[in-house]
Amino acid sequence: MKKKLIRLAAAAGVAGLVASMAPLSSAFAASTPTYDTTTDAPIYMMDNTTAAGIDAGTQLDWNYGNGIVLTANPVPADLGDLSWATFATPAGATHSISFISAPGSERTPSAWKQWGDFSSADGGVLLPSVWPSYLGNGAPATTKANGGTYSMGIAMVDGTAVASTHVIKAYYTTINVDAGTGTWTFATPAPVVVVTDVPTTTTVSATPTSVEAGQTTTLTANVAATGKTVTGNVEFYEGTAKIGTVALSSGSASKVVTVGTTGAHTYSAKFVENTVGTDKFLASASADVTVTGTAPAVPVPPNAAGEEALNVNSRHGATATYDEATHKATLNVDAVNEGKTVNVIAYSTPKFLGQLVVTGGKVTVDVSTLAAGTHKLSIADPNTGDVLAWADFIKSDAAISPSFSKTIDADVAALAPSDGEFSLINTSGASVHLTNPVIVGGQSVVSGELGTFKVTDLRQVSKPGWKLSTNVADFTKGTDTIAKSALGIAPKVVSQAGSGATAPTLGTALVSGSATYPWDFATLAGGAFSGVSTYNADLVFTAPAGKPAGTYSSTITLTLVSN
């Protein structure tokens, strides 16, 4: 509906409207009041002649010549069918009436200062007329003379007598009136801010992706949204552990991390949802990036050509000891090395054992994989490669192999042996072949068993406990790849034996299609030993839709680690 038509429609509902606007008083002093949130719904004001919205804070004359009507929503540029302007009639209400009251008396008709005439509220109330001089009932002269702060609006009532009607709903705003002149202004609610969801994408990269253990790599996360620059925070993770939060700058955030050990380290980034103005930037997470920690170059062995030859067993007064119960060796060094970050290396056959900080004058490392016999345990500067101290120790027991591997053909995994007082032994074949797949919900699903294996823990004195960790590689067939998450695994106990032994705790089964590796097959807390445990596992492999048929291969590795 055009504005000209709405002016005619409004005029038809209010008898005796003046066609032109009366001059405003020169006393434009009324301040803009604070909006009263106790109203049952907001109201907005519209010029009855021009059909234009009137802004809050506009100074108005007591007798506004064009007339003012109320709307239930702000006046739009295109008036349309007027449904936006209509006040709905609540249950129990039969009529509406315009009023002015003291603040707090809006729902008490007997206390109103001024009011108009009753109108039927059947089907809703459209464009009711409200301005001070129009509300002729009550004491308008007193309101004008005294001025002050009032509520003005319409009430939905259950009758047509001010003295006895009940207010079902009251829709009003606050007005300030100048004493004597009656000039006034009014308040409206703050504009509604419409917040729009903005999808984001997060990527993360690492530079470099291969470093010596103990050195650093820089993780860089980029968060993007179509046509916008994203602001907010990025959380960085190593595996599932949060390692820091960094604020975005021009859509990017970086964090330097130390790669503490050899092997693969998985990092990711997550953008935290953030609202800026009318934009709600939605949370998003990156895919993983892998950084490989490599063993540092091994320095020249102690006592080799060019090294100190005065003492063949130790240097700088260092001493070394070996604990057969824990399979760990300790190197005690002098005070000059206290607090240093060092590479720990064993000889005869050079082997990097990790990067540690000298604490309490010593470093302690696991040497369970070293053969029986005499070894040198040394520390070296990770930056220069200089050997700082060493000492001999005797390893009295044989090497322990803490893990085994087996290949998986077509969708599965299995194990391989190790023996001893604390050992992991594969008691089934070297591979698993999952056969006879079926189609379920448009995906190929095949299942079977991992095969039995045995964990022996007879350490009844030290009782350190242990963890049996499990990792799986992605499945491949030529150039085709299926993510390792497709392999679900449910651990189960075949048998448990040993006088005084404690049964280990099995890991929670991983669901095919959403499995996350590495994963703990079973754990035993310290203070107990487990005797002899035989295990197996149910396997389910679900190939994503669209993957070519055939046999996909992977490797599952189970590793037994002492606490």
Protein backbone atom coordinates (compact mmCIF):
# COMPACT_ATOMS: atom_id res chain seq x y z
CA MET A 1 0.00 0.00 0.00
CA LYS A 2 1.38 3.44 -0.89
CA LYS A 3 1.86 6.18 1.69
CA LYS A 4 -0.98 8.23 0.25
CA LEU A 5 -3.38 5.35 0.86
CA ILE A 6 -2.23 4.79 4.43
CA ARG A 7 -2.84 8.45 5.22
CA LEU A 8 -6.41 8.05 4.00
CA ALA A 9 -6.86 4.81 5.94
CA ALA A 10 -5.64 6.35 9.16
CA ALA A 11 -7.73 9.47 8.71
CA ALA A 12 -10.84 7.38 8.17
CA GLY A 13 -10.44 5.87 11.61
CA VAL A 14 -10.02 9.14 13.51
CA ALA A 15 -12.74 11.78 13.21
CA GLY A 16 -11.82 15.45 12.93
CA LEU A 17 -8.08 15.18 12.12
CA VAL A 18 -6.55 18.49 11.08
CA ALA A 19 -5.15 18.28 7.57
CA SER A 20 -2.11 20.48 8.15
CA MET A 21 0.46 20.56 10.88
CA ALA A 22 0.11 23.28 13.54
CA PRO A 23 3.18 25.39 14.32
CA LEU A 24 5.38 23.99 17.07
CA SER A 25 5.95 25.93 20.26
CA SER A 26 9.29 27.70 20.54
CA ALA A 27 9.99 26.10 23.96
CA PHE A 28 11.74 22.96 22.75
CA ALA A 29 13.15 21.96 26.13
CA ALA A 30 11.82 18.46 26.81
CA SER A 31 14.69 15.95 27.13
CA THR A 32 14.51 12.46 25.67
CA PRO A 33 13.40 10.06 28.42
CA THR A 34 14.66 6.57 29.13
CA TYR A 35 12.72 3.75 27.48
CA ASP A 36 10.49 1.82 29.91
CA THR A 37 10.96 -1.94 29.46
CA THR A 38 7.92 -2.84 31.59
CA THR A 39 5.64 -2.37 28.57
CA ASP A 40 4.04 -5.58 27.28
CA ALA A 41 5.29 -4.73 23.79
CA PRO A 42 7.17 -1.82 22.20
CA ILE A 43 5.36 1.00 20.39
CA TYR A 44 6.53 3.36 17.64
CA MET A 45 5.09 6.67 16.44
CA MET A 46 4.04 7.64 12.91
CA ASP A 47 2.84 10.98 11.50
CA ASN A 48 -0.82 10.41 10.56
CA THR A 49 -0.67 12.81 7.59
CA THR A 50 2.73 12.00 6.02
CA ALA A 51 2.85 8.32 7.13
CA ALA A 52 6.50 8.88 8.10
CA GLY A 53 8.03 7.43 11.23
CA ILE A 54 8.84 9.90 14.01
CA ASP A 55 12.23 9.42 15.66
CA ALA A 56 12.67 9.26 19.42
CA GLY A 57 13.89 12.59 20.78
CA THR A 58 11.88 14.63 18.26
CA GLN A 59 10.44 17.74 19.97
CA LEU A 60 6.66 17.72 19.48
CA ASP A 61 3.90 20.25 20.18
CA TRP A 62 1.14 19.48 22.71
CA ASN A 63 -1.40 19.80 19.90
CA TYR A 64 0.36 17.97 17.06
CA GLY A 65 -1.67 19.15 14.05
CA ASN A 66 -0.91 16.22 11.74
CA GLY A 67 -1.95 13.70 14.38
CA ILE A 68 0.10 10.77 15.66
CA VAL A 69 -0.75 7.07 15.38
CA LEU A 70 1.01 4.12 17.03
CA THR A 71 2.57 1.11 15.27
CA ALA A 72 3.72 -2.21 16.67
CA ASN A 73 7.03 -2.06 14.71
CA PRO A 74 9.27 0.66 13.25
CA VAL A 75 7.79 2.26 10.15
CA PRO A 76 9.29 0.64 7.03
CA ALA A 77 10.10 2.42 3.77
CA ASP A 78 7.42 0.41 1.98
CA LEU A 79 4.29 0.30 4.15
CA GLY A 80 2.90 -2.84 2.54
CA ASP A 81 -0.21 -4.51 3.99
CA LEU A 82 0.09 -2.90 7.47
CA SER A 83 0.34 -6.23 9.30
CA TRP A 84 3.58 -4.95 10.78
CA ALA A 85 1.70 -2.03 12.37
CA THR A 86 -1.12 -4.01 14.01
CA PHE A 87 -1.26 -4.73 17.75
CA ALA A 88 -2.61 -8.25 18.35
CA THR A 89 -5.58 -8.58 20.69
CA PRO A 90 -4.69 -10.72 23.74
CA ALA A 91 -7.10 -13.33 25.11
CA GLY A 92 -9.77 -11.75 27.34
CA ALA A 93 -9.53 -8.26 25.80
CA THR A 94 -12.51 -6.71 23.99
CA HIS A 95 -11.52 -3.05 23.53
CA SER A 96 -8.52 -0.74 23.38
CA ILE A 97 -8.12 2.76 24.79
CA SER A 98 -5.34 5.36 24.58
CA PHE A 99 -4.03 6.83 27.86
CA ILE A 100 -1.44 8.95 29.70
CA SER A 101 -0.52 7.90 33.24
CA ALA A 102 2.11 8.37 35.89
CA PRO A 103 4.92 5.79 35.48
CA GLY A 104 3.84 2.59 37.23
CA SER A 105 0.10 3.26 36.88
CA GLU A 106 -0.28 2.05 33.30
CA ARG A 107 -2.38 -0.94 34.34
CA THR A 108 -4.61 1.01 36.79
CA PRO A 109 -7.26 2.89 34.74
CA SER A 110 -8.62 4.72 37.79
CA ALA A 111 -5.19 6.38 38.23
CA TRP A 112 -4.75 7.55 34.63
CA LYS A 113 -4.15 11.26 34.03
CA GLN A 114 -5.79 11.38 30.57
CA TRP A 115 -7.47 8.94 28.21
CA GLY A 116 -9.31 8.80 24.91
CA ASP A 117 -12.33 6.78 23.77
CA PHE A 118 -12.83 3.02 23.73
CA SER A 119 -12.43 1.23 20.38
CA SER A 120 -13.25 -2.37 19.52
CA ALA A 121 -10.19 -4.63 19.61
CA ASP A 122 -11.77 -7.35 17.50
CA GLY A 123 -9.13 -8.69 15.07
CA GLY A 124 -6.35 -6.47 16.44
CA VAL A 125 -5.80 -2.74 16.81
CA LEU A 126 -4.52 -0.82 13.77
CA LEU A 127 -3.01 2.68 14.00
CA PRO A 128 -4.60 3.96 17.25
CA SER A 129 -4.36 7.76 17.66
CA VAL A 130 -2.25 9.03 20.58
CA TRP A 131 -0.96 12.55 21.28
CA PRO A 132 -1.50 14.63 24.45
CA SER A 133 -4.16 17.09 23.28
CA TYR A 134 -6.11 14.28 21.59
CA LEU A 135 -6.68 12.50 24.93
CA GLY A 136 -9.40 14.82 26.18
CA ASN A 137 -10.76 12.76 29.10
CA GLY A 138 -9.32 13.21 32.58
CA ALA A 139 -7.24 16.30 33.34
CA PRO A 140 -5.22 17.25 30.23
CA ALA A 141 -4.88 20.88 31.37
CA THR A 142 -3.20 19.76 34.58
CA THR A 143 -0.75 17.53 32.70
CA LYS A 144 0.18 20.41 30.41
CA ALA A 145 0.50 22.93 33.21
CA ASN A 146 2.58 20.71 35.52
CA GLY A 147 4.70 18.97 32.90
CA GLY A 148 6.84 16.02 34.00
CA THR A 149 7.44 12.39 33.07
CA TYR A 150 4.54 10.14 32.05
CA SER A 151 3.67 6.88 30.26
CA MET A 152 1.67 7.16 27.04
CA GLY A 153 0.21 4.37 24.95
CA ILE A 154 -2.77 2.04 24.58
CA ALA A 155 -4.30 -0.50 26.93
CA MET A 156 -6.12 -3.69 25.92
CA VAL A 157 -9.08 -3.96 28.33
CA ASP A 158 -12.11 -6.16 29.08
CA GLY A 159 -14.81 -3.45 29.16
CA THR A 160 -15.83 0.12 28.26
CA ALA A 161 -15.81 1.85 31.65
CA VAL A 162 -12.56 3.35 32.93
CA ALA A 163 -13.58 2.89 36.54
CA SER A 164 -14.21 -0.85 36.25
CA THR A 165 -12.23 -2.20 33.29
CA HIS A 166 -9.23 -4.45 33.75
CA VAL A 167 -6.06 -4.00 31.72
CA ILE A 168 -5.11 -7.26 29.97
CA LYS A 169 -2.07 -5.80 28.16
CA ALA A 170 -0.55 -2.32 28.17
CA TYR A 171 1.65 -1.05 25.32
CA TYR A 172 3.34 2.27 26.14
CA THR A 173 6.46 4.38 26.15
CA THR A 174 7.81 7.19 28.36
CA ILE A 175 7.27 10.87 27.50
CA ASN A 176 8.74 14.04 29.01
CA VAL A 177 6.37 17.09 28.98
CA ASP A 178 7.48 20.73 29.42
CA ALA A 179 5.41 22.54 32.08
CA GLY A 180 3.22 25.25 30.62
CA THR A 181 3.98 24.85 26.91
CA GLY A 182 3.24 21.14 26.81
CA THR A 183 6.05 20.47 24.29
CA TRP A 184 7.13 16.87 24.66
CA THR A 185 9.40 14.09 23.44
CA PHE A 186 9.33 10.32 23.78
CA ALA A 187 11.49 7.19 23.95
CA THR A 188 11.57 4.07 21.74
CA PRO A 189 13.48 0.81 22.27
CA ALA A 190 17.01 0.52 20.93
CA PRO A 191 17.14 -0.79 17.34
CA VAL A 192 17.31 -4.57 17.14
CA VAL A 193 20.72 -5.69 15.95
CA VAL A 194 20.33 -8.60 13.52
CA VAL A 195 23.34 -10.88 13.84
CA THR A 196 24.21 -12.97 10.78
CA ASP A 197 25.99 -16.32 10.98
CA VAL A 198 29.22 -16.23 8.99
CA PRO A 199 30.77 -19.65 8.23
CA THR A 200 34.56 -19.85 8.56
CA THR A 201 37.25 -22.24 7.40
CA THR A 202 40.46 -22.88 9.34
CA THR A 203 43.69 -24.29 7.95
CA VAL A 204 47.00 -24.88 9.70
CA SER A 205 50.52 -25.37 8.38
CA ALA A 206 53.89 -26.06 10.01
CA THR A 207 57.29 -24.74 9.03
CA PRO A 208 59.38 -26.86 8.99
CA THR A 209 57.62 -30.23 9.03
CA SER A 210 60.72 -32.16 10.07
CA VAL A 211 63.04 -31.01 12.88
CA GLU A 212 65.52 -32.52 15.28
CA ALA A 213 63.94 -33.46 18.59
CA GLY A 214 64.21 -30.48 20.93
CA GLN A 215 64.06 -27.91 18.13
CA THR A 216 61.07 -25.75 17.16
CA THR A 217 58.54 -25.48 14.36
CA THR A 218 56.11 -22.62 13.68
CA LEU A 219 52.41 -23.41 13.41
CA THR A 220 50.41 -20.91 11.33
CA ALA A 221 46.60 -20.93 11.32
CA ASN A 222 44.59 -19.05 8.72
CA VAL A 223 40.87 -18.42 9.26
CA ALA A 224 38.82 -17.25 6.28
CA ALA A 225 35.23 -16.16 5.61
CA THR A 226 33.81 -15.12 2.25
CA GLY A 227 34.16 -11.37 1.77
CA LYS A 228 35.17 -10.67 5.41
CA THR A 229 38.26 -10.51 7.62
CA VAL A 230 37.80 -12.81 10.58
CA THR A 231 38.79 -11.63 14.07
CA GLY A 232 38.95 -13.60 17.31
CA ASN A 233 41.09 -16.33 18.84
CA VAL A 234 42.64 -19.56 17.59
CA GLU A 235 43.36 -22.51 19.88
CA PHE A 236 46.31 -24.73 18.96
CA TYR A 237 46.37 -28.45 19.83
CA GLU A 238 48.90 -31.25 19.86
CA GLY A 239 46.72 -34.31 19.54
CA THR A 240 43.85 -33.59 21.92
CA ALA A 241 45.89 -31.41 24.31
CA LYS A 242 45.48 -27.63 23.95
CA ILE A 243 48.91 -25.98 23.81
CA GLY A 244 47.94 -22.31 23.53
CA THR A 245 45.54 -19.60 22.37
CA VAL A 246 46.59 -16.83 19.97
CA ALA A 247 44.58 -13.84 18.67
CA LEU A 248 44.11 -13.50 14.91
CA SER A 249 45.81 -10.66 13.08
CA SER A 250 44.55 -10.10 9.52
CA GLY A 251 43.02 -13.57 9.67
CA SER A 252 46.23 -15.33 10.73
CA ALA A 253 47.74 -16.58 14.00
CA SER A 254 51.09 -18.28 14.67
CA LYS A 255 52.62 -20.25 17.53
CA VAL A 256 56.16 -21.58 17.95
CA VAL A 257 56.24 -25.08 19.49
CA THR A 258 59.09 -27.30 20.59
CA VAL A 259 59.08 -30.80 19.12
CA GLY A 260 60.25 -32.61 22.24
CA THR A 261 60.67 -36.19 21.05
CA THR A 262 61.41 -38.21 17.95
CA GLY A 263 58.53 -39.50 15.86
CA ALA A 264 55.32 -38.04 14.46
CA HIS A 265 53.59 -35.12 16.24
CA THR A 266 50.07 -34.15 15.13
CA TYR A 267 48.96 -30.51 15.42
CA SER A 268 45.67 -28.77 14.64
CA ALA A 269 43.96 -25.39 15.11
CA LYS A 270 40.42 -24.44 16.14
CA PHE A 271 38.83 -21.03 15.63
CA VAL A 272 36.64 -19.98 18.59
CA GLU A 273 33.22 -18.55 17.65
CA ASN A 274 33.25 -14.75 17.87
CA THR A 275 30.59 -12.08 17.30
CA VAL A 276 31.70 -8.71 15.94
CA GLY A 277 28.91 -6.19 15.33
CA THR A 278 26.32 -7.95 13.17
CA ASP A 279 28.67 -10.80 12.18
CA LYS A 280 28.81 -14.03 14.17
CA PHE A 281 31.93 -15.81 12.94
CA LEU A 282 31.18 -19.50 13.45
CA ALA A 283 33.72 -21.89 14.96
CA SER A 284 35.75 -24.11 12.63
CA ALA A 285 38.61 -26.60 12.96
CA SER A 286 41.53 -27.41 10.71
CA ALA A 287 42.71 -30.75 9.43
CA ASP A 288 45.80 -32.14 11.17
CA VAL A 289 49.34 -31.31 10.17
CA THR A 290 52.16 -33.72 11.08
CA VAL A 291 55.63 -32.67 12.17
CA THR A 292 58.31 -35.35 12.45
CA GLY A 293 60.89 -35.19 15.21
CA THR A 294 64.16 -36.73 14.07
CA ALA A 295 67.07 -37.93 16.17
CA PRO A 296 69.85 -35.34 16.41
CA ALA A 297 73.19 -36.12 14.84
CA VAL A 298 75.11 -38.30 17.30
CA PRO A 299 78.37 -36.70 18.47
CA VAL A 300 81.77 -38.44 18.26
CA PRO A 301 81.74 -41.27 20.83
CA PRO A 302 83.55 -40.51 24.10
CA ASN A 303 87.24 -41.53 24.05
CA ALA A 304 87.30 -41.64 20.25
CA ALA A 305 90.06 -39.85 18.40
CA GLY A 306 90.05 -36.17 19.29
CA GLU A 307 88.20 -36.69 22.60
CA GLU A 308 89.62 -36.67 26.10
CA ALA A 309 91.55 -39.90 26.68
CA LEU A 310 92.73 -39.48 30.28
CA ASN A 311 89.80 -41.41 31.75
CA VAL A 312 88.22 -44.10 29.61
CA ASN A 313 85.28 -44.71 31.93
CA SER A 314 83.97 -41.19 32.69
CA ARG A 315 84.38 -37.47 32.11
CA HIS A 316 84.01 -34.45 34.41
CA GLY A 317 83.49 -36.69 37.41
CA ALA A 318 80.25 -38.21 36.10
CA THR A 319 78.91 -41.52 37.43
CA ALA A 320 76.22 -43.80 36.06
CA THR A 321 73.94 -46.44 37.62
CA TYR A 322 71.40 -48.94 36.28
CA ASP A 323 68.13 -50.06 37.89
CA GLU A 324 67.16 -53.52 36.67
CA ALA A 325 63.63 -53.21 38.10
CA THR A 326 62.80 -50.14 36.00
CA HIS A 327 65.27 -50.74 33.13
CA LYS A 328 66.44 -47.11 33.55
CA ALA A 329 69.95 -45.67 33.75
CA THR A 330 70.90 -42.49 35.62
CA LEU A 331 73.85 -40.24 34.79
CA ASN A 332 75.03 -38.05 37.71
CA VAL A 333 76.95 -34.96 36.56
CA ASP A 334 78.71 -31.97 38.12
CA ALA A 335 77.03 -28.68 39.09
CA VAL A 336 78.20 -26.83 35.97
CA ASN A 337 75.61 -28.78 33.94
CA GLU A 338 72.66 -28.16 36.30
CA GLY A 339 69.60 -26.81 34.50
CA LYS A 340 70.99 -27.39 31.01
CA THR A 341 68.88 -28.86 28.22
CA VAL A 342 70.90 -31.78 26.84
CA ASN A 343 70.72 -34.60 24.33
CA VAL A 344 71.12 -37.96 26.08
CA ILE A 345 73.03 -40.57 24.04
CA ALA A 346 74.13 -44.14 24.76
CA TYR A 347 77.15 -45.89 23.27
CA SER A 348 78.53 -48.65 22.29
CA THR A 349 76.21 -48.54 19.29
CA PRO A 350 75.29 -44.83 19.25
CA LYS A 351 71.62 -44.31 20.19
CA PHE A 352 69.76 -41.04 20.87
CA LEU A 353 67.62 -41.51 24.01
CA GLY A 354 65.89 -38.12 24.18
CA GLN A 355 66.31 -34.48 25.18
CA LEU A 356 66.10 -33.74 28.91
CA VAL A 357 66.90 -31.01 31.44
CA VAL A 358 69.58 -31.80 34.03
CA THR A 359 67.67 -31.66 37.32
CA GLY A 360 69.12 -32.32 40.74
CA GLY A 361 72.46 -33.06 39.11
CA LYS A 362 71.21 -35.97 37.02
CA VAL A 363 69.26 -37.29 34.04
CA THR A 364 67.42 -40.62 34.01
CA VAL A 365 66.44 -42.47 30.82
CA ASP A 366 64.87 -45.76 29.76
CA VAL A 367 67.54 -48.10 28.35
CA SER A 368 65.39 -51.24 28.20
CA THR A 369 66.09 -51.69 24.48
CA LEU A 370 69.90 -51.79 24.98
CA ALA A 371 71.60 -55.18 24.97
CA ALA A 372 73.22 -56.61 28.11
CA GLY A 373 76.76 -55.43 28.75
CA THR A 374 78.78 -52.27 29.35
CA HIS A 375 77.52 -48.99 27.87
CA LYS A 376 78.49 -45.36 28.06
CA LEU A 377 75.73 -42.90 28.96
CA SER A 378 76.50 -39.33 27.85
CA ILE A 379 75.01 -35.86 27.60
CA ALA A 380 75.75 -33.45 24.74
CA ASP A 381 75.01 -29.82 23.94
CA PRO A 382 72.08 -29.90 21.42
CA ASN A 383 73.38 -26.81 19.61
CA THR A 384 77.11 -27.53 19.28
CA GLY A 385 77.15 -31.33 19.57
CA ASP A 386 79.87 -31.13 22.24
CA VAL A 387 79.89 -34.10 24.63
CA LEU A 388 79.63 -32.60 28.14
CA ALA A 389 79.95 -35.66 30.38
CA TRP A 390 79.74 -39.43 30.31
CA ALA A 391 80.14 -42.51 32.48
CA ASP A 392 80.02 -46.29 32.05
CA PHE A 393 77.27 -48.51 33.41
CA ILE A 394 76.61 -52.22 33.16
CA LYS A 395 73.22 -53.41 31.93
CA SER A 396 72.67 -56.77 33.60
CA ASP A 397 69.63 -57.93 31.64
CA ALA A 398 68.86 -58.51 28.00
CA ALA A 399 67.18 -56.02 25.69
CA ILE A 400 63.40 -55.82 25.87
CA SER A 401 61.42 -55.27 22.70
CA PRO A 402 58.39 -53.22 23.76
CA SER A 403 56.38 -53.49 20.57
CA PHE A 404 55.47 -55.60 17.59
CA SER A 405 53.87 -54.97 14.23
CA LYS A 406 51.89 -56.97 11.68
CA THR A 407 50.36 -56.07 8.35
CA ILE A 408 46.63 -55.91 7.73
CA ASP A 409 45.27 -56.93 4.34
CA ALA A 410 41.92 -55.55 3.23
CA ASP A 411 40.82 -53.66 6.29
CA VAL A 412 42.32 -54.73 9.61
CA ALA A 413 45.26 -55.14 11.97
CA ALA A 414 47.31 -57.50 14.17
CA LEU A 415 50.54 -58.07 16.12
CA ALA A 416 54.06 -59.63 16.55
CA PRO A 417 56.02 -60.92 19.57
CA SER A 418 58.19 -59.98 22.51
CA ASP A 419 59.13 -62.05 25.59
CA GLY A 420 60.27 -61.84 29.19
CA GLU A 421 59.09 -61.00 32.69
CA PHE A 422 57.39 -57.96 31.19
CA SER A 423 56.48 -58.82 27.63
CA LEU A 424 54.04 -58.62 24.77
CA ILE A 425 53.70 -61.74 22.59
CA ASN A 426 51.63 -62.25 19.47
CA THR A 427 49.93 -65.66 19.68
CA SER A 428 48.13 -65.48 16.33
CA GLY A 429 49.18 -64.98 12.72
CA ALA A 430 51.32 -62.15 11.34
CA SER A 431 48.44 -60.70 9.33
CA VAL A 432 44.68 -60.39 9.30
CA HIS A 433 42.47 -60.57 6.22
CA LEU A 434 38.93 -59.30 6.61
CA THR A 435 36.78 -60.99 3.96
CA ASN A 436 33.17 -61.19 2.76
CA PRO A 437 32.21 -57.50 2.95
CA VAL A 438 28.54 -56.52 2.77
CA ILE A 439 26.82 -53.31 1.65
CA VAL A 440 25.15 -51.46 4.54
CA GLY A 441 23.56 -48.05 3.91
CA GLY A 442 25.53 -47.59 0.69
CA GLN A 443 28.91 -48.41 2.32
CA SER A 444 31.06 -51.55 2.26
CA VAL A 445 31.37 -53.07 5.75
CA VAL A 446 33.60 -56.02 6.66
CA SER A 447 34.41 -57.44 10.09
CA GLY A 448 36.55 -60.01 11.87
CA GLU A 449 38.98 -60.42 14.74
CA LEU A 450 42.47 -59.08 15.37
CA GLY A 451 43.75 -62.39 16.73
CA THR A 452 45.00 -63.33 20.19
CA PHE A 453 48.07 -61.93 21.93
CA LYS A 454 49.50 -62.13 25.44
CA VAL A 455 50.71 -59.52 27.92
CA THR A 456 52.89 -60.88 30.75
CA ASP A 457 53.60 -58.68 33.76
CA LEU A 458 55.15 -60.56 36.71
CA ARG A 459 56.81 -57.53 38.31
CA GLN A 460 55.44 -58.27 41.75
CA VAL A 461 57.97 -56.08 43.63
CA SER A 462 58.15 -52.80 41.68
CA LYS A 463 54.54 -52.90 40.35
CA PRO A 464 54.97 -49.84 38.10
CA GLY A 465 51.93 -50.58 35.89
CA TRP A 466 51.83 -50.28 32.11
CA LYS A 467 50.01 -49.04 29.00
CA LEU A 468 49.30 -50.94 25.79
CA SER A 469 49.00 -48.29 23.09
CA THR A 470 47.65 -48.92 19.59
CA ASN A 471 48.24 -47.11 16.33
CA VAL A 472 46.98 -47.73 12.80
CA ALA A 473 48.21 -46.45 9.43
CA ASP A 474 45.86 -45.30 6.69
CA PHE A 475 44.64 -48.07 4.36
CA THR A 476 45.95 -48.05 0.77
CA LYS A 477 45.37 -49.84 -2.54
CA GLY A 478 47.66 -48.44 -5.17
CA THR A 479 46.93 -44.70 -5.20
CA ASP A 480 43.59 -45.10 -3.39
CA THR A 481 43.54 -44.34 0.35
CA ILE A 482 41.00 -44.89 3.13
CA ALA A 483 41.60 -43.07 6.43
CA LYS A 484 42.51 -45.17 9.47
CA SER A 485 39.39 -43.84 11.20
CA ALA A 486 37.47 -46.43 9.13
CA LEU A 487 38.77 -49.21 11.39
CA GLY A 488 36.71 -49.75 14.52
CA ILE A 489 38.17 -51.87 17.32
CA ALA A 490 36.57 -53.36 20.44
CA PRO A 491 39.03 -54.95 22.92
CA LYS A 492 38.11 -58.16 24.76
CA VAL A 493 39.69 -60.44 27.36
CA VAL A 494 40.29 -64.08 26.42
CA SER A 495 41.83 -65.11 29.75
CA GLN A 496 43.37 -63.56 32.87
CA ALA A 497 45.66 -65.53 35.21
CA GLY A 498 48.10 -64.96 38.06
CA SER A 499 47.89 -65.29 41.84
CA GLY A 500 47.44 -61.81 43.36
CA ALA A 501 47.32 -60.22 39.90
CA THR A 502 45.07 -57.29 38.98
CA ALA A 503 43.02 -57.27 35.78
CA PRO A 504 43.97 -54.32 33.53
CA THR A 505 41.38 -51.79 32.33
CA LEU A 506 40.30 -52.15 28.71
CA GLY A 507 40.02 -49.07 26.51
CA THR A 508 36.64 -47.80 25.28
CA ALA A 509 35.76 -49.37 21.93
CA LEU A 510 36.38 -47.21 18.85
CA VAL A 511 33.52 -46.92 16.33
CA SER A 512 34.20 -47.71 12.69
CA GLY A 513 34.19 -44.53 10.66
CA SER A 514 35.05 -42.20 13.57
CA ALA A 515 37.97 -43.99 15.25
CA THR A 516 40.86 -41.88 16.53
CA TYR A 517 44.39 -43.25 16.83
CA PRO A 518 46.69 -43.58 18.75
CA TRP A 519 44.43 -45.29 21.31
CA ASP A 520 45.05 -47.25 24.52
CA PHE A 521 43.98 -50.92 24.16
CA ALA A 522 44.44 -51.54 27.91
CA THR A 523 46.10 -49.91 30.94
CA LEU A 524 47.27 -51.00 34.39
CA ALA A 525 47.75 -48.38 37.11
CA GLY A 526 50.86 -48.39 39.28
CA GLY A 527 50.82 -50.42 42.47
CA ALA A 528 49.70 -53.65 40.81
CA PHE A 529 50.91 -56.37 38.46
CA SER A 530 48.69 -58.09 35.90
CA GLY A 531 50.09 -61.63 35.67
CA VAL A 532 49.33 -63.21 32.31
CA SER A 533 46.54 -61.65 30.21
CA THR A 534 45.38 -62.92 26.83
CA TYR A 535 43.46 -60.53 24.62
CA ASN A 536 41.69 -60.34 21.28
CA ALA A 537 39.63 -57.62 19.57
CA ASP A 538 36.64 -57.37 17.27
CA LEU A 539 37.36 -55.36 14.12
CA VAL A 540 34.91 -53.55 11.85
CA PHE A 541 36.03 -51.72 8.71
CA THR A 542 33.62 -49.33 6.92
CA ALA A 543 34.75 -48.03 3.53
CA PRO A 544 33.41 -44.59 2.55
CA ALA A 545 30.93 -44.59 -0.33
CA GLY A 546 32.52 -44.28 -3.75
CA LYS A 547 35.79 -46.07 -2.96
CA PRO A 548 36.91 -48.59 -5.63
CA ALA A 549 36.48 -52.26 -4.72
CA GLY A 550 39.51 -54.33 -3.85
CA THR A 551 41.87 -55.17 -1.01
CA TYR A 552 43.24 -52.27 1.05
CA SER A 553 46.23 -52.78 3.33
CA SER A 554 47.38 -51.10 6.52
CA THR A 555 49.51 -51.82 9.58
CA ILE A 556 48.38 -51.89 13.19
CA THR A 557 51.05 -51.57 15.88
CA LEU A 558 50.57 -52.42 19.56
CA THR A 559 53.24 -51.15 21.95
CA LEU A 560 53.61 -52.18 25.59
CA VAL A 561 55.14 -49.39 27.70
CA SER A 562 56.01 -49.55 31.40
CA ASN A 563 54.83 -46.64 33.55
